[in-house]
């Protein structure tokens, strides 16, 4: 029989807690932003209370993540939760507006890192360069991608890897084929 601590199990509450902590927010900070009590938020993070859809929308907005990331916790069989993510059960992330399709490969966000599967559609480009307080490693599974990291330009292709350390970066796929990359990001940002 599996026994797990509700604070560290693979759950909605645990993911909210991990995201809150990765952003340096206290319970009081996030509760204030949500116009809710610290007790209510603490119960949500410990899976003792279920937030409403409106609450989830406000949590996602306050943490800067898409609402879809807060769903799909029940899609895995109980004995696989926190251990296995099936190909058809990955949680989608982001808006796809820029031509980037992202899926969470990590079972949850409770680790010190997250792993993301990214597909860059042909002729797509990041609209606004990003700067986030992370260390990231990317591995190109297929295709080619043009990267600018800290003002330096690179083209990476299948089998190549790259690192970004809290640097302004952007990507473009000006090619006719999709590019697929696996990203490891610490701390989790989604």
Foldseek 3Di string as FASTA:
>chain_A
DDDDQLCQFFALLVQLVLLCVQVVHDLVRLCVQLVHDSVVNVCSNSVNDDDDPVSLVSSCVVSVWDSQLSDQQPVDPPVCQQPAADPVRWGWTDDCPQQKTKTWRGSGQNDQKTKIKIKRAAFGWDPAWDFDQKKKKKAWCADWKWKQWQNDIDIDGHGDMDIHHRTTMIIGRNDNHMIIMMMIIGNDRD
